[in-house]
Amino acid sequence: MSAICTEKSVYFAHLKEKATQTDSGLLYVITQKGTNQKPEPGTSVKVAYSGFFNDGKLFDSSNPEVAKLFGRYDLRREQSGNYGPIESTIGQHRFIAGFAEGVDLLHYGEKATLFIPSKLAYGEKGAGGGLIPPNTDLVFEIELVK
């Protein structure tokens, strides 16, 4: 495992100790305060994200610089304009349950780290043709972009 993954894993372990748990089992930490404005249900929003395993290994990011840092950069993805925040609608997401719940907690401009248990992620199925193994907990760093 690379040094950056090890550092990220240690960072996540310390951050998780400070996390708030929701009724569903999602753990989250607000890492940067945003505005006092929270989007209403039905509002279209953009979400910047980086998804990690607990060991600090990145599996996906909307940010090409983060992808480069962790050795997951895809030039074709950038050339086709597929890096950048993803669009969704508050309360009507097509995301995994834990990610959707985390997004709905945020105010504009806020950043959070989400610790998503497997049951709120991809569960027993896993995802991405083996990229995310079955029963894998995930960590996401997200920002609600206005």
N, C-alpha and C. Protein backbone atom coordinates (compact mmCIF):
# COMPACT_ATOMS: atom_id res chain seq x y z
N MET A 1 0.86 -1.18 0.00
CA MET A 1 0.00 0.00 0.00
C MET A 1 0.90 1.24 0.00
N SER A 2 0.48 2.25 -0.76
CA SER A 2 1.29 3.46 -0.87
C SER A 2 1.24 4.28 0.41
N ALA A 3 2.23 5.14 0.56
CA ALA A 3 2.32 6.00 1.74
C ALA A 3 1.10 6.91 1.85
N ILE A 4 0.62 7.41 0.70
CA ILE A 4 -0.53 8.31 0.75
C ILE A 4 -1.79 7.58 1.22
N CYS A 5 -1.93 6.31 0.82
CA CYS A 5 -3.07 5.52 1.27
C CYS A 5 -2.98 5.26 2.77
N THR A 6 -1.79 4.98 3.25
CA THR A 6 -1.59 4.76 4.68
C THR A 6 -1.93 6.02 5.46
N GLU A 7 -1.47 7.18 4.99
CA GLU A 7 -1.78 8.45 5.66
C GLU A 7 -3.29 8.69 5.67
N LYS A 8 -3.94 8.40 4.56
CA LYS A 8 -5.39 8.62 4.46
C LYS A 8 -6.12 7.69 5.42
N SER A 9 -5.68 6.45 5.51
CA SER A 9 -6.28 5.47 6.42
C SER A 9 -6.18 5.93 7.87
N VAL A 10 -5.02 6.43 8.26
CA VAL A 10 -4.82 6.93 9.62
C VAL A 10 -5.72 8.14 9.86
N TYR A 11 -5.78 9.04 8.89
CA TYR A 11 -6.65 10.22 8.99
C TYR A 11 -8.11 9.79 9.19
N PHE A 12 -8.56 8.82 8.39
CA PHE A 12 -9.94 8.34 8.51
C PHE A 12 -10.20 7.74 9.90
N ALA A 13 -9.26 6.97 10.40
CA ALA A 13 -9.43 6.34 11.72
C ALA A 13 -9.61 7.39 12.81
N HIS A 14 -8.81 8.45 12.76
CA HIS A 14 -8.93 9.53 13.76
C HIS A 14 -10.23 10.30 13.58
N LEU A 15 -10.59 10.57 12.35
CA LEU A 15 -11.81 11.32 12.07
C LEU A 15 -13.05 10.53 12.49
N LYS A 16 -13.02 9.24 12.28
CA LYS A 16 -14.17 8.39 12.61
C LYS A 16 -14.50 8.44 14.09
N GLU A 17 -13.49 8.65 14.93
CA GLU A 17 -13.71 8.76 16.37
C GLU A 17 -14.59 9.95 16.73
N LYS A 18 -14.62 10.97 15.88
CA LYS A 18 -15.40 12.19 16.12
C LYS A 18 -16.76 12.17 15.43
N ALA A 19 -17.05 11.10 14.71
CA ALA A 19 -18.23 11.06 13.84
C ALA A 19 -19.55 11.01 14.61
N THR A 20 -20.56 11.56 13.98
CA THR A 20 -21.94 11.48 14.46
C THR A 20 -22.61 10.33 13.73
N GLN A 21 -23.40 9.55 14.45
CA GLN A 21 -24.09 8.42 13.82
C GLN A 21 -25.56 8.72 13.66
N THR A 22 -26.10 8.44 12.48
CA THR A 22 -27.52 8.60 12.23
C THR A 22 -28.25 7.31 12.61
N ASP A 23 -29.57 7.36 12.61
CA ASP A 23 -30.37 6.17 12.95
C ASP A 23 -30.11 5.01 12.01
N SER A 24 -29.75 5.29 10.77
CA SER A 24 -29.52 4.24 9.78
C SER A 24 -28.18 3.54 9.98
N GLY A 25 -27.25 4.18 10.69
CA GLY A 25 -25.92 3.63 10.88
C GLY A 25 -24.83 4.39 10.14
N LEU A 26 -25.22 5.39 9.35
CA LEU A 26 -24.25 6.25 8.68
C LEU A 26 -23.48 7.04 9.73
N LEU A 27 -22.17 7.12 9.56
CA LEU A 27 -21.34 7.98 10.40
C LEU A 27 -20.85 9.12 9.53
N TYR A 28 -20.86 10.34 10.07
CA TYR A 28 -20.40 11.48 9.28
C TYR A 28 -19.75 12.53 10.16
N VAL A 29 -18.84 13.27 9.53
CA VAL A 29 -18.17 14.39 10.17
C VAL A 29 -18.20 15.56 9.19
N ILE A 30 -18.70 16.70 9.63
CA ILE A 30 -18.63 17.91 8.82
C ILE A 30 -17.20 18.44 8.95
N THR A 31 -16.48 18.49 7.84
CA THR A 31 -15.07 18.89 7.87
C THR A 31 -14.86 20.34 7.45
N GLN A 32 -15.89 20.93 6.85
CA GLN A 32 -15.84 22.36 6.51
C GLN A 32 -17.25 22.89 6.52
N LYS A 33 -17.46 23.92 7.30
CA LYS A 33 -18.78 24.55 7.35
C LYS A 33 -19.08 25.24 6.03
N GLY A 34 -20.34 25.24 5.68
CA GLY A 34 -20.79 25.93 4.47
C GLY A 34 -21.60 27.15 4.83
N THR A 35 -22.54 27.45 3.98
CA THR A 35 -23.44 28.57 4.23
C THR A 35 -24.51 28.12 5.21
N ASN A 36 -25.35 29.03 5.59
CA ASN A 36 -26.49 28.67 6.43
C ASN A 36 -27.66 28.18 5.59
N GLN A 37 -27.47 28.15 4.28
CA GLN A 37 -28.56 27.77 3.38
C GLN A 37 -28.50 26.28 3.06
N LYS A 38 -29.61 25.61 3.33
CA LYS A 38 -29.72 24.19 3.04
C LYS A 38 -30.73 24.03 1.91
N PRO A 39 -30.39 23.26 0.88
CA PRO A 39 -31.33 23.09 -0.23
C PRO A 39 -32.59 22.35 0.19
N GLU A 40 -33.70 22.79 -0.34
CA GLU A 40 -34.99 22.16 -0.06
C GLU A 40 -35.12 20.88 -0.86
N PRO A 41 -35.94 19.92 -0.40
CA PRO A 41 -36.20 18.72 -1.20
C PRO A 41 -36.68 19.11 -2.60
N GLY A 42 -36.17 18.41 -3.59
CA GLY A 42 -36.51 18.69 -4.98
C GLY A 42 -35.55 19.64 -5.67
N THR A 43 -34.62 20.24 -4.92
CA THR A 43 -33.65 21.17 -5.47
C THR A 43 -32.53 20.42 -6.17
N SER A 44 -32.16 20.86 -7.36
CA SER A 44 -31.04 20.28 -8.08
C SER A 44 -29.74 20.80 -7.48
N VAL A 45 -28.81 19.88 -7.22
CA VAL A 45 -27.52 20.24 -6.61
C VAL A 45 -26.39 19.52 -7.34
N LYS A 46 -25.17 19.96 -7.05
CA LYS A 46 -23.98 19.29 -7.55
C LYS A 46 -23.15 18.84 -6.35
N VAL A 47 -22.58 17.65 -6.48
CA VAL A 47 -21.81 17.06 -5.39
C VAL A 47 -20.44 16.64 -5.91
N ALA A 48 -19.40 17.22 -5.33
CA ALA A 48 -18.03 16.78 -5.60
C ALA A 48 -17.74 15.65 -4.61
N TYR A 49 -17.02 14.63 -5.07
CA TYR A 49 -16.80 13.47 -4.21
C TYR A 49 -15.47 12.78 -4.50
N SER A 50 -15.00 12.07 -3.49
CA SER A 50 -13.91 11.12 -3.63
C SER A 50 -14.29 9.92 -2.77
N GLY A 51 -14.25 8.73 -3.36
CA GLY A 51 -14.64 7.52 -2.66
C GLY A 51 -13.43 6.65 -2.35
N PHE A 52 -13.36 6.18 -1.11
CA PHE A 52 -12.22 5.41 -0.61
C PHE A 52 -12.67 4.14 0.08
N PHE A 53 -11.74 3.20 0.17
CA PHE A 53 -11.89 2.06 1.06
C PHE A 53 -11.31 2.48 2.41
N ASN A 54 -11.59 1.71 3.45
CA ASN A 54 -11.07 2.05 4.79
C ASN A 54 -9.56 2.10 4.85
N ASP A 55 -8.88 1.37 3.94
CA ASP A 55 -7.42 1.36 3.95
C ASP A 55 -6.81 2.58 3.26
N GLY A 56 -7.67 3.54 2.86
CA GLY A 56 -7.19 4.78 2.25
C GLY A 56 -7.04 4.71 0.74
N LYS A 57 -7.33 3.57 0.15
CA LYS A 57 -7.22 3.42 -1.30
C LYS A 57 -8.43 4.07 -1.99
N LEU A 58 -8.13 4.95 -2.94
CA LEU A 58 -9.18 5.64 -3.70
C LEU A 58 -9.75 4.70 -4.75
N PHE A 59 -11.08 4.66 -4.89
CA PHE A 59 -11.67 3.89 -5.98
C PHE A 59 -12.33 4.78 -7.02
N ASP A 60 -12.67 6.03 -6.67
CA ASP A 60 -13.26 6.95 -7.64
C ASP A 60 -13.24 8.37 -7.08
N SER A 61 -13.16 9.35 -7.98
CA SER A 61 -13.20 10.75 -7.58
C SER A 61 -13.74 11.59 -8.72
N SER A 62 -14.46 12.63 -8.37
CA SER A 62 -14.91 13.60 -9.37
C SER A 62 -13.83 14.63 -9.67
N ASN A 63 -12.74 14.59 -8.90
CA ASN A 63 -11.66 15.56 -9.01
C ASN A 63 -10.44 14.91 -9.68
N PRO A 64 -10.05 15.37 -10.86
CA PRO A 64 -8.91 14.75 -11.53
C PRO A 64 -7.60 14.87 -10.74
N GLU A 65 -7.43 15.93 -9.97
CA GLU A 65 -6.20 16.10 -9.19
C GLU A 65 -6.11 15.05 -8.07
N VAL A 66 -7.24 14.76 -7.43
CA VAL A 66 -7.26 13.70 -6.41
C VAL A 66 -6.97 12.36 -7.08
N ALA A 67 -7.59 12.12 -8.22
CA ALA A 67 -7.36 10.87 -8.96
C ALA A 67 -5.88 10.71 -9.31
N LYS A 68 -5.24 11.79 -9.73
CA LYS A 68 -3.80 11.73 -10.05
C LYS A 68 -2.98 11.40 -8.80
N LEU A 69 -3.30 12.07 -7.70
CA LEU A 69 -2.57 11.87 -6.45
C LEU A 69 -2.59 10.41 -5.99
N PHE A 70 -3.71 9.74 -6.23
CA PHE A 70 -3.88 8.36 -5.78
C PHE A 70 -3.68 7.32 -6.89
N GLY A 71 -3.19 7.77 -8.06
CA GLY A 71 -2.90 6.84 -9.14
C GLY A 71 -4.12 6.27 -9.83
N ARG A 72 -5.25 7.01 -9.81
CA ARG A 72 -6.50 6.54 -10.43
C ARG A 72 -6.97 7.46 -11.56
N TYR A 73 -6.10 8.30 -12.04
CA TYR A 73 -6.45 9.27 -13.08
C TYR A 73 -6.70 8.56 -14.41
N ASP A 74 -7.72 9.03 -15.14
CA ASP A 74 -8.07 8.47 -16.44
C ASP A 74 -8.15 9.63 -17.45
N LEU A 75 -7.17 9.71 -18.33
CA LEU A 75 -7.11 10.77 -19.33
C LEU A 75 -8.36 10.78 -20.20
N ARG A 76 -8.83 9.61 -20.62
CA ARG A 76 -10.04 9.54 -21.46
C ARG A 76 -11.25 10.11 -20.73
N ARG A 77 -11.34 9.84 -19.44
CA ARG A 77 -12.44 10.39 -18.65
C ARG A 77 -12.39 11.91 -18.66
N GLU A 78 -11.20 12.47 -18.49
CA GLU A 78 -11.07 13.93 -18.49
C GLU A 78 -11.36 14.50 -19.88
N GLN A 79 -10.85 13.86 -20.92
CA GLN A 79 -11.08 14.34 -22.29
C GLN A 79 -12.55 14.32 -22.66
N SER A 80 -13.30 13.40 -22.07
CA SER A 80 -14.73 13.33 -22.38
C SER A 80 -15.58 14.16 -21.42
N GLY A 81 -14.91 14.92 -20.54
CA GLY A 81 -15.62 15.83 -19.64
C GLY A 81 -16.33 15.14 -18.49
N ASN A 82 -15.84 13.97 -18.09
CA ASN A 82 -16.52 13.21 -17.05
C ASN A 82 -15.92 13.35 -15.65
N TYR A 83 -15.01 14.29 -15.48
CA TYR A 83 -14.61 14.67 -14.13
C TYR A 83 -15.44 15.90 -13.78
N GLY A 84 -15.66 16.11 -12.52
CA GLY A 84 -16.45 17.25 -12.07
C GLY A 84 -17.59 16.77 -11.19
N PRO A 85 -18.19 17.70 -10.46
CA PRO A 85 -19.28 17.33 -9.55
C PRO A 85 -20.42 16.64 -10.29
N ILE A 86 -21.07 15.72 -9.59
CA ILE A 86 -22.22 15.03 -10.17
C ILE A 86 -23.50 15.75 -9.76
N GLU A 87 -24.48 15.71 -10.63
CA GLU A 87 -25.75 16.37 -10.37
C GLU A 87 -26.74 15.40 -9.75
N SER A 88 -27.56 15.92 -8.88
CA SER A 88 -28.62 15.13 -8.28
C SER A 88 -29.71 16.07 -7.77
N THR A 89 -30.75 15.48 -7.23
CA THR A 89 -31.87 16.24 -6.68
C THR A 89 -32.05 15.84 -5.22
N ILE A 90 -32.08 16.82 -4.35
CA ILE A 90 -32.22 16.57 -2.92
C ILE A 90 -33.49 15.75 -2.66
N GLY A 91 -33.30 14.64 -1.93
CA GLY A 91 -34.42 13.76 -1.59
C GLY A 91 -34.80 12.78 -2.68
N GLN A 92 -34.17 12.86 -3.83
CA GLN A 92 -34.53 11.98 -4.95
C GLN A 92 -33.29 11.42 -5.63
N HIS A 93 -32.27 11.13 -4.87
CA HIS A 93 -31.00 10.68 -5.41
C HIS A 93 -31.08 9.26 -5.96
N ARG A 94 -30.19 8.99 -6.90
CA ARG A 94 -30.02 7.63 -7.41
C ARG A 94 -28.69 7.06 -6.91
N PHE A 95 -28.26 7.53 -5.76
CA PHE A 95 -27.00 7.10 -5.16
C PHE A 95 -27.27 5.92 -4.22
N ILE A 96 -26.17 5.31 -3.75
CA ILE A 96 -26.32 4.34 -2.68
C ILE A 96 -26.92 5.06 -1.47
N ALA A 97 -27.61 4.31 -0.62
CA ALA A 97 -28.38 4.91 0.47
C ALA A 97 -27.54 5.81 1.40
N GLY A 98 -26.36 5.35 1.78
CA GLY A 98 -25.53 6.13 2.71
C GLY A 98 -25.04 7.43 2.11
N PHE A 99 -24.70 7.40 0.82
CA PHE A 99 -24.24 8.61 0.13
C PHE A 99 -25.40 9.60 0.03
N ALA A 100 -26.57 9.11 -0.36
CA ALA A 100 -27.75 9.98 -0.48
C ALA A 100 -28.10 10.63 0.85
N GLU A 101 -28.07 9.84 1.91
CA GLU A 101 -28.37 10.38 3.24
C GLU A 101 -27.36 11.45 3.62
N GLY A 102 -26.09 11.21 3.33
CA GLY A 102 -25.05 12.19 3.65
C GLY A 102 -25.22 13.49 2.89
N VAL A 103 -25.53 13.39 1.61
CA VAL A 103 -25.75 14.61 0.79
C VAL A 103 -26.91 15.41 1.35
N ASP A 104 -27.99 14.73 1.73
CA ASP A 104 -29.17 15.42 2.24
C ASP A 104 -28.94 16.12 3.57
N LEU A 105 -27.86 15.79 4.27
CA LEU A 105 -27.53 16.44 5.54
C LEU A 105 -26.85 17.80 5.37
N LEU A 106 -26.29 18.04 4.18
CA LEU A 106 -25.39 19.18 4.00
C LEU A 106 -26.07 20.48 3.61
N HIS A 107 -25.41 21.57 4.00
CA HIS A 107 -25.72 22.91 3.54
C HIS A 107 -24.80 23.21 2.36
N TYR A 108 -25.17 24.20 1.55
CA TYR A 108 -24.32 24.58 0.42
C TYR A 108 -22.91 24.92 0.90
N GLY A 109 -21.91 24.45 0.17
CA GLY A 109 -20.53 24.74 0.48
C GLY A 109 -19.92 23.87 1.56
N GLU A 110 -20.73 23.05 2.18
CA GLU A 110 -20.25 22.22 3.27
C GLU A 110 -19.52 20.99 2.72
N LYS A 111 -18.49 20.58 3.47
CA LYS A 111 -17.76 19.36 3.15
C LYS A 111 -17.94 18.39 4.31
N ALA A 112 -18.00 17.11 3.98
CA ALA A 112 -18.16 16.09 5.01
C ALA A 112 -17.43 14.83 4.60
N THR A 113 -17.09 14.04 5.59
CA THR A 113 -16.58 12.70 5.36
C THR A 113 -17.66 11.75 5.86
N LEU A 114 -18.05 10.83 4.98
CA LEU A 114 -19.09 9.86 5.28
C LEU A 114 -18.46 8.48 5.46
N PHE A 115 -18.79 7.81 6.54
CA PHE A 115 -18.37 6.44 6.78
C PHE A 115 -19.60 5.57 6.56
N ILE A 116 -19.64 4.91 5.43
CA ILE A 116 -20.85 4.22 4.99
C ILE A 116 -20.69 2.71 5.20
N PRO A 117 -21.50 2.14 6.10
CA PRO A 117 -21.44 0.69 6.28
C PRO A 117 -21.95 -0.02 5.03
N SER A 118 -21.47 -1.22 4.83
CA SER A 118 -21.80 -2.00 3.64
C SER A 118 -23.30 -2.05 3.36
N LYS A 119 -24.11 -2.19 4.40
CA LYS A 119 -25.57 -2.31 4.21
C LYS A 119 -26.16 -1.04 3.60
N LEU A 120 -25.46 0.12 3.73
CA LEU A 120 -25.93 1.37 3.13
C LEU A 120 -25.14 1.69 1.86
N ALA A 121 -24.27 0.77 1.46
CA ALA A 121 -23.46 0.94 0.25
C ALA A 121 -23.94 -0.09 -0.78
N TYR A 122 -23.08 -1.01 -1.16
CA TYR A 122 -23.43 -1.99 -2.19
C TYR A 122 -23.74 -3.36 -1.62
N GLY A 123 -23.66 -3.50 -0.29
CA GLY A 123 -24.06 -4.73 0.38
C GLY A 123 -23.38 -5.98 -0.13
N GLU A 124 -24.16 -7.05 -0.19
CA GLU A 124 -23.64 -8.36 -0.58
C GLU A 124 -23.28 -8.45 -2.06
N LYS A 125 -23.80 -7.53 -2.87
CA LYS A 125 -23.57 -7.59 -4.31
C LYS A 125 -22.20 -7.04 -4.72
N GLY A 126 -21.73 -6.04 -3.98
CA GLY A 126 -20.53 -5.35 -4.43
C GLY A 126 -20.89 -4.52 -5.66
N ALA A 127 -19.89 -3.98 -6.36
CA ALA A 127 -20.19 -3.14 -7.53
C ALA A 127 -18.96 -3.00 -8.41
N GLY A 128 -19.21 -2.46 -9.59
CA GLY A 128 -18.12 -2.12 -10.51
C GLY A 128 -17.35 -3.30 -11.04
N GLY A 129 -18.03 -4.42 -11.25
CA GLY A 129 -17.35 -5.58 -11.79
C GLY A 129 -16.19 -6.05 -10.92
N GLY A 130 -16.39 -6.00 -9.60
CA GLY A 130 -15.36 -6.44 -8.67
C GLY A 130 -14.54 -5.32 -8.07
N LEU A 131 -14.72 -4.09 -8.58
CA LEU A 131 -13.98 -2.96 -8.03
C LEU A 131 -14.28 -2.79 -6.54
N ILE A 132 -15.56 -2.89 -6.19
CA ILE A 132 -15.97 -2.82 -4.79
C ILE A 132 -16.48 -4.20 -4.40
N PRO A 133 -15.70 -4.92 -3.59
CA PRO A 133 -16.08 -6.28 -3.20
C PRO A 133 -17.37 -6.30 -2.38
N PRO A 134 -18.04 -7.45 -2.33
CA PRO A 134 -19.22 -7.58 -1.48
C PRO A 134 -18.90 -7.25 -0.02
N ASN A 135 -19.89 -6.73 0.68
CA ASN A 135 -19.80 -6.44 2.11
C ASN A 135 -18.65 -5.51 2.48
N THR A 136 -18.44 -4.48 1.66
CA THR A 136 -17.36 -3.54 1.88
C THR A 136 -17.89 -2.20 2.39
N ASP A 137 -17.35 -1.75 3.52
CA ASP A 137 -17.65 -0.41 4.02
C ASP A 137 -16.89 0.59 3.16
N LEU A 138 -17.47 1.78 2.97
CA LEU A 138 -16.86 2.80 2.13
C LEU A 138 -16.73 4.11 2.89
N VAL A 139 -15.81 4.94 2.43
CA VAL A 139 -15.62 6.29 2.98
C VAL A 139 -15.69 7.27 1.83
N PHE A 140 -16.50 8.30 1.97
CA PHE A 140 -16.59 9.33 0.94
C PHE A 140 -16.29 10.69 1.54
N GLU A 141 -15.49 11.46 0.83
CA GLU A 141 -15.32 12.87 1.14
C GLU A 141 -16.17 13.60 0.10
N ILE A 142 -17.12 14.39 0.58
CA ILE A 142 -18.05 15.05 -0.32
C ILE A 142 -18.14 16.55 -0.04
N GLU A 143 -18.58 17.29 -1.05
CA GLU A 143 -18.86 18.71 -0.90
C GLU A 143 -20.12 19.02 -1.67
N LEU A 144 -21.05 19.73 -1.04
CA LEU A 144 -22.25 20.17 -1.72
C LEU A 144 -21.95 21.51 -2.38
N VAL A 145 -21.83 21.47 -3.69
CA VAL A 145 -21.46 22.63 -4.47
C VAL A 145 -22.73 23.36 -4.92
N LYS A 146 -22.76 24.66 -4.75
CA LYS A 146 -23.96 25.42 -5.17
C LYS A 146 -23.95 25.64 -6.65
